[in-house]
C-alpha cells in the first residue's frame, strides 16, 4: 500500500529535533519509532497513532479519529486520524506527540 509522502514529511518536521526517532516500513505504510518502539505512522493518507489501551477511548472521542482496523479486528490502543483532522500543523503535532509520549513509556529496543 502506498502512503502519503507529504504527510510523512510533515511528521519528519515535527520529530526532527527529537533524539531516538527512526523510520521503518510497517503496516503497509511508514512508521515512526521512538527508541525502537512504534509511536505513529502513515497508511494511505491517514495518520496512525499508538495511544495505548488506557488512552484508546479518549483518542476515539476526538474528531476525525477512528479505530485502527486492518483485518476486521480493531487493534486496541491504536487509532487512525483522517486527513481532515490533520489540516493544521498544530493538530498533527498534537497527535504525533501523543504517540511519542506513549512510546516513551517503553524501554529502548
PDB file of N, CA and C in Angstrom:
ATOM      1  N   UNK A   1       0.842  -1.178   0.000  1.00  0.00           N
ATOM      2  CA  UNK A   1       0.000   0.000   0.000  1.00  0.00           C
ATOM      3  C   UNK A   1       0.889   1.244   0.000  1.00  0.00           C
ATOM      4  N   UNK A   2       0.511   2.202  -0.788  1.00  0.00           N
ATOM      5  CA  UNK A   2       1.248   3.465  -0.836  1.00  0.00           C
ATOM      6  C   UNK A   2       0.847   4.326   0.360  1.00  0.00           C
ATOM      7  N   UNK A   3       1.738   5.241   0.698  1.00  0.00           N
ATOM      8  CA  UNK A   3       1.410   6.164   1.782  1.00  0.00           C
ATOM      9  C   UNK A   3       1.659   7.589   1.312  1.00  0.00           C
ATOM     10  N   UNK A   4       1.022   8.523   1.974  1.00  0.00           N
ATOM     11  CA  UNK A   4       1.116   9.938   1.638  1.00  0.00           C
ATOM     12  C   UNK A   4       2.490  10.467   2.054  1.00  0.00           C
ATOM     13  N   UNK A   5       3.366  10.655   1.081  1.00  0.00           N
ATOM     14  CA  UNK A   5       4.724  11.124   1.365  1.00  0.00           C
ATOM     15  C   UNK A   5       4.713  12.540   1.936  1.00  0.00           C
ATOM     16  N   UNK A   6       3.747  13.340   1.540  1.00  0.00           N
ATOM     17  CA  UNK A   6       3.632  14.697   2.092  1.00  0.00           C
ATOM     18  C   UNK A   6       3.351  14.664   3.584  1.00  0.00           C
ATOM     19  N   UNK A   7       2.458  13.779   4.007  1.00  0.00           N
ATOM     20  CA  UNK A   7       2.166  13.631   5.430  1.00  0.00           C
ATOM     21  C   UNK A   7       3.379  13.095   6.169  1.00  0.00           C
ATOM     22  N   UNK A   8       4.079  12.148   5.560  1.00  0.00           N
ATOM     23  CA  UNK A   8       5.298  11.614   6.182  1.00  0.00           C
ATOM     24  C   UNK A   8       6.320  12.730   6.390  1.00  0.00           C
ATOM     25  N   UNK A   9       6.460  13.614   5.409  1.00  0.00           N
ATOM     26  CA  UNK A   9       7.410  14.720   5.540  1.00  0.00           C
ATOM     27  C   UNK A   9       6.983  15.687   6.646  1.00  0.00           C
ATOM     28  N   UNK A  10       5.708  15.934   6.765  1.00  0.00           N
ATOM     29  CA  UNK A  10       5.215  16.801   7.848  1.00  0.00           C
ATOM     30  C   UNK A  10       5.539  16.187   9.212  1.00  0.00           C
ATOM     31  N   UNK A  11       5.408  14.861   9.334  1.00  0.00           N
ATOM     32  CA  UNK A  11       5.747  14.197  10.593  1.00  0.00           C
ATOM     33  C   UNK A  11       7.243  14.327  10.845  1.00  0.00           C
ATOM     34  N   UNK A  12       8.055  14.137   9.821  1.00  0.00           N
ATOM     35  CA  UNK A  12       9.509  14.299   9.979  1.00  0.00           C
ATOM     36  C   UNK A  12       9.848  15.672  10.547  1.00  0.00           C
ATOM     37  N   UNK A  13       9.165  16.692  10.073  1.00  0.00           N
ATOM     38  CA  UNK A  13       9.420  18.049  10.557  1.00  0.00           C
ATOM     39  C   UNK A  13       9.034  18.201  12.025  1.00  0.00           C
ATOM     40  N   UNK A  14       7.997  17.497  12.456  1.00  0.00           N
ATOM     41  CA  UNK A  14       7.579  17.548  13.865  1.00  0.00           C
ATOM     42  C   UNK A  14       8.613  16.872  14.762  1.00  0.00           C
ATOM     43  N   UNK A  15       9.188  15.756  14.303  1.00  0.00           N
ATOM     44  CA  UNK A  15      10.062  14.948  15.170  1.00  0.00           C
ATOM     45  C   UNK A  15      11.556  15.149  14.922  1.00  0.00           C
ATOM     46  N   UNK A  16      11.920  16.026  13.992  1.00  0.00           N
ATOM     47  CA  UNK A  16      13.323  16.123  13.576  1.00  0.00           C
ATOM     48  C   UNK A  16      14.288  16.467  14.704  1.00  0.00           C
ATOM     49  N   UNK A  17      13.863  17.165  15.718  1.00  0.00           N
ATOM     50  CA  UNK A  17      14.747  17.536  16.823  1.00  0.00           C
ATOM     51  C   UNK A  17      14.720  16.525  17.970  1.00  0.00           C
ATOM     52  N   UNK A  18      13.870  15.520  17.854  1.00  0.00           N
ATOM     53  CA  UNK A  18      13.718  14.554  18.945  1.00  0.00           C
ATOM     54  C   UNK A  18      14.717  13.411  18.781  1.00  0.00           C
ATOM     55  N   UNK A  19      15.579  13.177  19.770  1.00  0.00           N
ATOM     56  CA  UNK A  19      16.527  12.064  19.686  1.00  0.00           C
ATOM     57  C   UNK A  19      15.809  10.714  19.756  1.00  0.00           C
ATOM     58  N   UNK A  20      16.371   9.729  19.075  1.00  0.00           N
ATOM     59  CA  UNK A  20      15.847   8.368  19.168  1.00  0.00           C
ATOM     60  C   UNK A  20      14.758   8.032  18.187  1.00  0.00           C
ATOM     61  N   UNK A  21      14.415   8.947  17.269  1.00  0.00           N
ATOM     62  CA  UNK A  21      13.346   8.681  16.305  1.00  0.00           C
ATOM     63  C   UNK A  21      13.937   8.047  15.052  1.00  0.00           C
ATOM     64  N   UNK A  22      13.278   6.998  14.576  1.00  0.00           N
ATOM     65  CA  UNK A  22      13.668   6.341  13.335  1.00  0.00           C
ATOM     66  C   UNK A  22      12.412   6.016  12.541  1.00  0.00           C
ATOM     67  N   UNK A  23      12.614   5.594  11.302  1.00  0.00           N
ATOM     68  CA  UNK A  23      11.507   5.238  10.414  1.00  0.00           C
ATOM     69  C   UNK A  23      11.653   3.784   9.975  1.00  0.00           C
ATOM     70  N   UNK A  24      10.502   3.150   9.767  1.00  0.00           N
ATOM     71  CA  UNK A  24      10.511   1.772   9.277  1.00  0.00           C
ATOM     72  C   UNK A  24       9.210   1.528   8.519  1.00  0.00           C
ATOM     73  N   UNK A  25       9.303   0.835   7.399  1.00  0.00           N
ATOM     74  CA  UNK A  25       8.092   0.459   6.672  1.00  0.00           C
ATOM     75  C   UNK A  25       7.410  -0.675   7.420  1.00  0.00           C
ATOM     76  N   UNK A  26       6.168  -0.422   7.795  1.00  0.00           N
ATOM     77  CA  UNK A  26       5.354  -1.380   8.558  1.00  0.00           C
ATOM     78  C   UNK A  26       3.882  -1.126   8.238  1.00  0.00           C
ATOM     79  N   UNK A  27       3.039  -2.100   8.494  1.00  0.00           N
ATOM     80  CA  UNK A  27       1.589  -1.939   8.356  1.00  0.00           C
ATOM     81  C   UNK A  27       1.203  -1.418   6.977  1.00  0.00           C
ATOM     82  N   UNK A  28       1.978  -1.710   5.963  1.00  0.00           N
ATOM     83  CA  UNK A  28       1.674  -1.233   4.624  1.00  0.00           C
ATOM     84  C   UNK A  28       1.928   0.243   4.431  1.00  0.00           C
ATOM     85  N   UNK A  29       2.648   0.851   5.348  1.00  0.00           N
ATOM     86  CA  UNK A  29       2.949   2.275   5.255  1.00  0.00           C
ATOM     87  C   UNK A  29       4.305   2.564   5.859  1.00  0.00           C
ATOM     88  N   UNK A  30       4.437   3.723   6.450  1.00  0.00           N
ATOM     89  CA  UNK A  30       5.682   4.143   7.072  1.00  0.00           C
ATOM     90  C   UNK A  30       5.418   4.474   8.532  1.00  0.00           C
ATOM     91  N   UNK A  31       6.191   3.861   9.429  1.00  0.00           N
ATOM     92  CA  UNK A  31       6.028   4.104  10.857  1.00  0.00           C
ATOM     93  C   UNK A  31       7.215   4.883  11.404  1.00  0.00           C
ATOM     94  N   UNK A  32       6.932   5.659  12.424  1.00  0.00           N
ATOM     95  CA  UNK A  32       7.953   6.399  13.150  1.00  0.00           C
ATOM     96  C   UNK A  32       8.077   5.767  14.525  1.00  0.00           C
ATOM     97  N   UNK A  33       9.304   5.434  14.888  1.00  0.00           N
ATOM     98  CA  UNK A  33       9.570   4.751  16.148  1.00  0.00           C
ATOM     99  C   UNK A  33      10.394   5.654  17.048  1.00  0.00           C
ATOM    100  N   UNK A  34      10.166   5.522  18.342  1.00  0.00           N
ATOM    101  CA  UNK A  34      10.957   6.216  19.339  1.00  0.00           C
ATOM    102  C   UNK A  34      11.725   5.160  20.114  1.00  0.00           C
ATOM    103  N   UNK A  35      13.032   5.192  19.988  1.00  0.00           N
ATOM    104  CA  UNK A  35      13.896   4.197  20.639  1.00  0.00           C
ATOM    105  C   UNK A  35      13.474   2.771  20.298  1.00  0.00           C
ATOM    106  N   UNK A  36      13.025   2.581  19.048  1.00  0.00           N
ATOM    107  CA  UNK A  36      12.645   1.258  18.575  1.00  0.00           C
ATOM    108  C   UNK A  36      11.210   0.869  18.833  1.00  0.00           C
ATOM    109  N   UNK A  37      10.423   1.733  19.462  1.00  0.00           N
ATOM    110  CA  UNK A  37       9.021   1.448  19.770  1.00  0.00           C
ATOM    111  C   UNK A  37       8.115   2.296  18.889  1.00  0.00           C
ATOM    112  N   UNK A  38       7.163   1.647  18.220  1.00  0.00           N
ATOM    113  CA  UNK A  38       6.283   2.346  17.302  1.00  0.00           C
ATOM    114  C   UNK A  38       5.475   3.411  18.031  1.00  0.00           C
ATOM    115  N   UNK A  39       5.437   4.622  17.450  1.00  0.00           N
ATOM    116  CA  UNK A  39       4.690   5.736  18.021  1.00  0.00           C
ATOM    117  C   UNK A  39       3.545   6.169  17.107  1.00  0.00           C
ATOM    118  N   UNK A  40       3.852   6.315  15.818  1.00  0.00           N
ATOM    119  CA  UNK A  40       2.850   6.765  14.865  1.00  0.00           C
ATOM    120  C   UNK A  40       3.311   6.392  13.470  1.00  0.00           C
ATOM    121  N   UNK A  41       2.475   6.665  12.488  1.00  0.00           N
ATOM    122  CA  UNK A  41       2.866   6.366  11.131  1.00  0.00           C
ATOM    123  C   UNK A  41       1.841   6.835  10.130  1.00  0.00           C
ATOM    124  N   UNK A  42       2.092   6.534   8.882  1.00  0.00           N
ATOM    125  CA  UNK A  42       1.221   6.931   7.788  1.00  0.00           C
ATOM    126  C   UNK A  42       0.814   5.678   7.024  1.00  0.00           C
ATOM    127  N   UNK A  43      -0.479   5.514   6.834  1.00  0.00           N
ATOM    128  CA  UNK A  43      -1.026   4.465   5.989  1.00  0.00           C
ATOM    129  C   UNK A  43      -2.006   5.141   5.048  1.00  0.00           C
ATOM    130  N   UNK A  44      -1.757   5.045   3.759  1.00  0.00           N
ATOM    131  CA  UNK A  44      -2.585   5.786   2.804  1.00  0.00           C
ATOM    132  C   UNK A  44      -2.418   7.268   3.076  1.00  0.00           C
ATOM    133  N   UNK A  45      -3.545   7.951   3.285  1.00  0.00           N
ATOM    134  CA  UNK A  45      -3.479   9.375   3.619  1.00  0.00           C
ATOM    135  C   UNK A  45      -3.868   9.637   5.071  1.00  0.00           C
ATOM    136  N   UNK A  46      -3.820   8.591   5.888  1.00  0.00           N
ATOM    137  CA  UNK A  46      -4.212   8.718   7.289  1.00  0.00           C
ATOM    138  C   UNK A  46      -3.011   8.566   8.213  1.00  0.00           C
ATOM    139  N   UNK A  47      -3.114   9.204   9.351  1.00  0.00           N
ATOM    140  CA  UNK A  47      -2.123   9.062  10.409  1.00  0.00           C
ATOM    141  C   UNK A  47      -2.574   7.933  11.316  1.00  0.00           C
ATOM    142  N   UNK A  48      -1.671   7.034  11.657  1.00  0.00           N
ATOM    143  CA  UNK A  48      -1.978   6.046  12.690  1.00  0.00           C
ATOM    144  C   UNK A  48      -1.179   6.439  13.922  1.00  0.00           C
ATOM    145  N   UNK A  49      -1.828   6.338  15.059  1.00  0.00           N
ATOM    146  CA  UNK A  49      -1.201   6.757  16.306  1.00  0.00           C
ATOM    147  C   UNK A  49      -1.362   5.658  17.338  1.00  0.00           C
ATOM    148  N   UNK A  50      -0.272   5.333  17.991  1.00  0.00           N
ATOM    149  CA  UNK A  50      -0.301   4.362  19.080  1.00  0.00           C
ATOM    150  C   UNK A  50      -0.551   5.140  20.366  1.00  0.00           C
ATOM    151  N   UNK A  51      -1.749   4.991  20.905  1.00  0.00           N
ATOM    152  CA  UNK A  51      -2.150   5.738  22.097  1.00  0.00           C
ATOM    153  C   UNK A  51      -2.192   4.867  23.344  1.00  0.00           C
ATOM    154  N   UNK A  52      -2.105   3.560  23.175  1.00  0.00           N
ATOM    155  CA  UNK A  52      -2.153   2.639  24.309  1.00  0.00           C
ATOM    156  C   UNK A  52      -3.573   2.322  24.724  1.00  0.00           C
ATOM    157  N   UNK A  53      -3.750   1.211  25.420  1.00  0.00           N
ATOM    158  CA  UNK A  53      -5.089   0.797  25.838  1.00  0.00           C
ATOM    159  C   UNK A  53      -5.777   1.819  26.735  1.00  0.00           C
ATOM    160  N   UNK A  54      -5.032   2.451  27.625  1.00  0.00           N
ATOM    161  CA  UNK A  54      -5.647   3.412  28.547  1.00  0.00           C
ATOM    162  C   UNK A  54      -6.052   4.706  27.856  1.00  0.00           C
ATOM    163  N   UNK A  55      -5.404   5.053  26.764  1.00  0.00           N
ATOM    164  CA  UNK A  55      -5.724   6.281  26.044  1.00  0.00           C
ATOM    165  C   UNK A  55      -6.637   6.083  24.846  1.00  0.00           C
ATOM    166  N   UNK A  56      -7.041   4.829  24.619  1.00  0.00           N
ATOM    167  CA  UNK A  56      -7.811   4.491  23.425  1.00  0.00           C
ATOM    168  C   UNK A  56      -9.166   5.190  23.379  1.00  0.00           C
ATOM    169  N   UNK A  57      -9.951   5.101  24.436  1.00  0.00           N
ATOM    170  CA  UNK A  57     -11.288   5.702  24.441  1.00  0.00           C
ATOM    171  C   UNK A  57     -11.216   7.217  24.281  1.00  0.00           C
ATOM    172  N   UNK A  58     -10.278   7.856  24.964  1.00  0.00           N
ATOM    173  CA  UNK A  58     -10.132   9.309  24.839  1.00  0.00           C
ATOM    174  C   UNK A  58      -9.753   9.696  23.418  1.00  0.00           C
ATOM    175  N   UNK A  59      -8.872   8.934  22.800  1.00  0.00           N
ATOM    176  CA  UNK A  59      -8.458   9.233  21.427  1.00  0.00           C
ATOM    177  C   UNK A  59      -9.638   9.078  20.468  1.00  0.00           C
ATOM    178  N   UNK A  60     -10.446   8.048  20.664  1.00  0.00           N
ATOM    179  CA  UNK A  60     -11.593   7.826  19.775  1.00  0.00           C
ATOM    180  C   UNK A  60     -12.651   8.913  19.929  1.00  0.00           C
ATOM    181  N   UNK A  61     -12.672   9.597  21.047  1.00  0.00           N
ATOM    182  CA  UNK A  61     -13.624  10.681  21.262  1.00  0.00           C
ATOM    183  C   UNK A  61     -13.228  11.952  20.504  1.00  0.00           C
ATOM    184  N   UNK A  62     -12.013  11.991  19.994  1.00  0.00           N
ATOM    185  CA  UNK A  62     -11.525  13.155  19.248  1.00  0.00           C
ATOM    186  C   UNK A  62     -12.124  13.164  17.834  1.00  0.00           C
ATOM    187  N   UNK A  63     -12.357  14.374  17.301  1.00  0.00           N
ATOM    188  CA  UNK A  63     -12.862  14.448  15.920  1.00  0.00           C
ATOM    189  C   UNK A  63     -11.882  13.801  14.938  1.00  0.00           C
ATOM    190  N   UNK A  64     -12.407  13.129  13.944  1.00  0.00           N
ATOM    191  CA  UNK A  64     -11.653  12.528  12.844  1.00  0.00           C
ATOM    192  C   UNK A  64     -10.849  11.293  13.231  1.00  0.00           C
ATOM    193  N   UNK A  65     -10.990  10.796  14.453  1.00  0.00           N
ATOM    194  CA  UNK A  65     -10.284   9.587  14.884  1.00  0.00           C
ATOM    195  C   UNK A  65     -11.240   8.394  14.799  1.00  0.00           C
ATOM    196  N   UNK A  66     -10.667   7.250  14.439  1.00  0.00           N
ATOM    197  CA  UNK A  66     -11.464   6.016  14.394  1.00  0.00           C
ATOM    198  C   UNK A  66     -10.560   4.843  14.757  1.00  0.00           C
ATOM    199  N   UNK A  67     -11.194   3.720  15.035  1.00  0.00           N
ATOM    200  CA  UNK A  67     -10.435   2.518  15.387  1.00  0.00           C
ATOM    201  C   UNK A  67      -9.524   2.111  14.240  1.00  0.00           C
ATOM    202  N   UNK A  68      -8.343   1.652  14.579  1.00  0.00           N
ATOM    203  CA  UNK A  68      -7.413   1.141  13.577  1.00  0.00           C
ATOM    204  C   UNK A  68      -7.783  -0.306  13.316  1.00  0.00           C
ATOM    205  N   UNK A  69      -8.145  -0.582  12.071  1.00  0.00           N
ATOM    206  CA  UNK A  69      -8.665  -1.900  11.718  1.00  0.00           C
ATOM    207  C   UNK A  69      -8.118  -2.298  10.356  1.00  0.00           C
ATOM    208  N   UNK A  70      -7.275  -3.320  10.329  1.00  0.00           N
ATOM    209  CA  UNK A  70      -6.740  -3.838   9.072  1.00  0.00           C
ATOM    210  C   UNK A  70      -7.437  -5.112   8.633  1.00  0.00           C
ATOM    211  N   UNK A  71      -7.826  -5.934   9.581  1.00  0.00           N
ATOM    212  CA  UNK A  71      -8.265  -7.294   9.264  1.00  0.00           C
ATOM    213  C   UNK A  71      -9.685  -7.599   9.702  1.00  0.00           C
ATOM    214  N   UNK A  72     -10.447  -6.586  10.082  1.00  0.00           N
ATOM    215  CA  UNK A  72     -11.779  -6.830  10.617  1.00  0.00           C
ATOM    216  C   UNK A  72     -11.774  -6.915  12.134  1.00  0.00           C
ATOM    217  N   UNK A  73     -10.582  -6.862  12.727  1.00  0.00           N
ATOM    218  CA  UNK A  73     -10.451  -6.861  14.185  1.00  0.00           C
ATOM    219  C   UNK A  73      -9.678  -5.610  14.577  1.00  0.00           C
ATOM    220  N   UNK A  74     -10.359  -4.634  15.198  1.00  0.00           N
ATOM    221  CA  UNK A  74      -9.680  -3.398  15.582  1.00  0.00           C
ATOM    222  C   UNK A  74      -8.515  -3.665  16.535  1.00  0.00           C
ATOM    223  N   UNK A  75      -7.481  -2.882  16.382  1.00  0.00           N
ATOM    224  CA  UNK A  75      -6.308  -3.002  17.250  1.00  0.00           C
ATOM    225  C   UNK A  75      -6.463  -2.031  18.406  1.00  0.00           C
ATOM    226  N   UNK A  76      -6.697  -2.564  19.591  1.00  0.00           N
ATOM    227  CA  UNK A  76      -6.866  -1.724  20.777  1.00  0.00           C
ATOM    228  C   UNK A  76      -5.565  -0.987  21.062  1.00  0.00           C
ATOM    229  N   UNK A  77      -5.695   0.301  21.340  1.00  0.00           N
ATOM    230  CA  UNK A  77      -4.524   1.103  21.640  1.00  0.00           C
ATOM    231  C   UNK A  77      -3.953   1.833  20.439  1.00  0.00           C
ATOM    232  N   UNK A  78      -4.553   1.632  19.259  1.00  0.00           N
ATOM    233  CA  UNK A  78      -4.141   2.311  18.039  1.00  0.00           C
ATOM    234  C   UNK A  78      -5.358   2.993  17.412  1.00  0.00           C
ATOM    235  N   UNK A  79      -5.170   4.169  16.837  1.00  0.00           N
ATOM    236  CA  UNK A  79      -6.248   4.846  16.119  1.00  0.00           C
ATOM    237  C   UNK A  79      -5.736   5.364  14.784  1.00  0.00           C
ATOM    238  N   UNK A  80      -6.658   5.529  13.860  1.00  0.00           N
ATOM    239  CA  UNK A  80      -6.411   6.248  12.617  1.00  0.00           C
ATOM    240  C   UNK A  80      -6.981   7.646  12.783  1.00  0.00           C
ATOM    241  N   UNK A  81      -6.293   8.639  12.256  1.00  0.00           N
ATOM    242  CA  UNK A  81      -6.803  10.004  12.199  1.00  0.00           C
ATOM    243  C   UNK A  81      -6.881  10.366  10.723  1.00  0.00           C
ATOM    244  N   UNK A  82      -8.065  10.733  10.271  1.00  0.00           N
ATOM    245  CA  UNK A  82      -8.257  11.036   8.853  1.00  0.00           C
ATOM    246  C   UNK A  82      -7.559  12.337   8.475  1.00  0.00           C
ATOM    247  N   UNK A  83      -7.340  12.507   7.187  1.00  0.00           N
ATOM    248  CA  UNK A  83      -6.653  13.686   6.662  1.00  0.00           C
ATOM    249  C   UNK A  83      -7.351  14.980   7.088  1.00  0.00           C
ATOM    250  N   UNK A  84      -8.669  14.947   7.212  1.00  0.00           N
ATOM    251  CA  UNK A  84      -9.415  16.150   7.612  1.00  0.00           C
ATOM    252  C   UNK A  84      -9.016  16.632   9.001  1.00  0.00           C
ATOM    253  N   UNK A  85      -8.582  15.734   9.842  1.00  0.00           N
ATOM    254  CA  UNK A  85      -8.178  16.094  11.190  1.00  0.00           C
ATOM    255  C   UNK A  85      -6.729  16.524  11.300  1.00  0.00           C
ATOM    256  N   UNK A  86      -6.044  16.622  10.157  1.00  0.00           N
ATOM    257  CA  UNK A  86      -4.613  16.934  10.162  1.00  0.00           C
ATOM    258  C   UNK A  86      -4.287  18.153   9.301  1.00  0.00           C
ATOM    259  N   UNK A  87      -5.299  18.978   9.039  1.00  0.00           N
ATOM    260  CA  UNK A  87      -5.092  20.131   8.167  1.00  0.00           C
ATOM    261  C   UNK A  87      -4.050  21.093   8.719  1.00  0.00           C
ATOM    262  N   UNK A  88      -4.108  21.352  10.011  1.00  0.00           N
ATOM    263  CA  UNK A  88      -3.172  22.289  10.611  1.00  0.00           C
ATOM    264  C   UNK A  88      -1.966  21.586  11.215  1.00  0.00           C
ATOM    265  N   UNK A  89      -0.837  22.290  11.236  1.00  0.00           N
ATOM    266  CA  UNK A  89       0.375  21.718  11.814  1.00  0.00           C
ATOM    267  C   UNK A  89       0.220  21.445  13.305  1.00  0.00           C
ATOM    268  N   UNK A  90      -0.554  22.277  14.004  1.00  0.00           N
ATOM    269  CA  UNK A  90      -0.761  22.063  15.444  1.00  0.00           C
ATOM    270  C   UNK A  90      -1.507  20.771  15.712  1.00  0.00           C
ATOM    271  N   UNK A  91      -2.525  20.471  14.895  1.00  0.00           N
ATOM    272  CA  UNK A  91      -3.273  19.228  15.085  1.00  0.00           C
ATOM    273  C   UNK A  91      -2.375  18.022  14.853  1.00  0.00           C
ATOM    274  N   UNK A  92      -1.589  18.076  13.783  1.00  0.00           N
ATOM    275  CA  UNK A  92      -0.676  16.975  13.504  1.00  0.00           C
ATOM    276  C   UNK A  92       0.330  16.806  14.637  1.00  0.00           C
ATOM    277  N   UNK A  93       0.925  17.896  15.074  1.00  0.00           N
ATOM    278  CA  UNK A  93       1.930  17.834  16.143  1.00  0.00           C
ATOM    279  C   UNK A  93       1.328  17.268  17.429  1.00  0.00           C
ATOM    280  N   UNK A  94       0.096  17.627  17.719  1.00  0.00           N
ATOM    281  CA  UNK A  94      -0.563  17.122  18.938  1.00  0.00           C
ATOM    282  C   UNK A  94      -0.734  15.611  18.868  1.00  0.00           C
ATOM    283  N   UNK A  95      -1.155  15.083  17.722  1.00  0.00           N
ATOM    284  CA  UNK A  95      -1.325  13.644  17.574  1.00  0.00           C
ATOM    285  C   UNK A  95       0.012  12.916  17.603  1.00  0.00           C
ATOM    286  N   UNK A  96       0.997  13.466  16.893  1.00  0.00           N
ATOM    287  CA  UNK A  96       2.319  12.833  16.869  1.00  0.00           C
ATOM    288  C   UNK A  96       2.890  12.794  18.281  1.00  0.00           C
ATOM    289  N   UNK A  97       2.755  13.875  19.009  1.00  0.00           N
ATOM    290  CA  UNK A  97       3.273  13.925  20.384  1.00  0.00           C
ATOM    291  C   UNK A  97       2.552  12.907  21.266  1.00  0.00           C
ATOM    292  N   UNK A  98       1.300  12.708  21.032  1.00  0.00           N
ATOM    293  CA  UNK A  98       0.543  11.698  21.798  1.00  0.00           C
ATOM    294  C   UNK A  98       1.158  10.320  21.593  1.00  0.00           C
ATOM    295  N   UNK A  99       1.469   9.985  20.348  1.00  0.00           N
ATOM    296  CA  UNK A  99       2.098   8.705  20.061  1.00  0.00           C
ATOM    297  C   UNK A  99       3.506   8.612  20.639  1.00  0.00           C
ATOM    298  N   UNK A 100       4.269   9.697  20.554  1.00  0.00           N
ATOM    299  CA  UNK A 100       5.629   9.710  21.093  1.00  0.00           C
ATOM    300  C   UNK A 100       5.609   9.558  22.615  1.00  0.00           C
ATOM    301  N   UNK A 101       4.663  10.193  23.250  1.00  0.00           N
ATOM    302  CA  UNK A 101       4.549  10.077  24.707  1.00  0.00           C
ATOM    303  C   UNK A 101       4.277   8.638  25.111  1.00  0.00           C
ATOM    304  N   UNK A 102       3.376   7.968  24.394  1.00  0.00           N
ATOM    305  CA  UNK A 102       3.099   6.574  24.745  1.00  0.00           C
ATOM    306  C   UNK A 102       4.317   5.703  24.471  1.00  0.00           C
ATOM    307  N   UNK A 103       4.955   5.882  23.332  1.00  0.00           N
ATOM    308  CA  UNK A 103       6.149   5.071  23.004  1.00  0.00           C
ATOM    309  C   UNK A 103       7.263   5.283  24.008  1.00  0.00           C
ATOM    310  N   UNK A 104       7.320   6.452  24.616  1.00  0.00           N
ATOM    311  CA  UNK A 104       8.381   6.749  25.580  1.00  0.00           C
ATOM    312  C   UNK A 104       8.214   5.980  26.882  1.00  0.00           C
ATOM    313  N   UNK A 105       7.065   5.331  27.071  1.00  0.00           N
ATOM    314  CA  UNK A 105       6.851   4.565  28.306  1.00  0.00           C
ATOM    315  C   UNK A 105       7.511   3.189  28.267  1.00  0.00           C
ATOM    316  N   UNK A 106       8.054   2.815  27.104  1.00  0.00           N
ATOM    317  CA  UNK A 106       8.691   1.511  26.947  1.00  0.00           C
ATOM    318  C   UNK A 106      10.204   1.657  26.977  1.00  0.00           C
ATOM    319  N   UNK A 107      10.903   0.622  27.432  1.00  0.00           N
ATOM    320  CA  UNK A 107      12.366   0.668  27.362  1.00  0.00           C
ATOM    321  C   UNK A 107      12.824   0.641  25.909  1.00  0.00           C
ATOM    322  N   UNK A 108      13.980   1.208  25.660  1.00  0.00           N
ATOM    323  CA  UNK A 108      14.533   1.211  24.306  1.00  0.00           C
ATOM    324  C   UNK A 108      14.804  -0.209  23.852  1.00  0.00           C
ATOM    325  N   UNK A 109      14.591  -0.452  22.574  1.00  0.00           N
ATOM    326  CA  UNK A 109      14.860  -1.780  21.992  1.00  0.00           C
ATOM    327  C   UNK A 109      16.241  -1.795  21.393  1.00  0.00           C
TER     328      UNK A 109
END
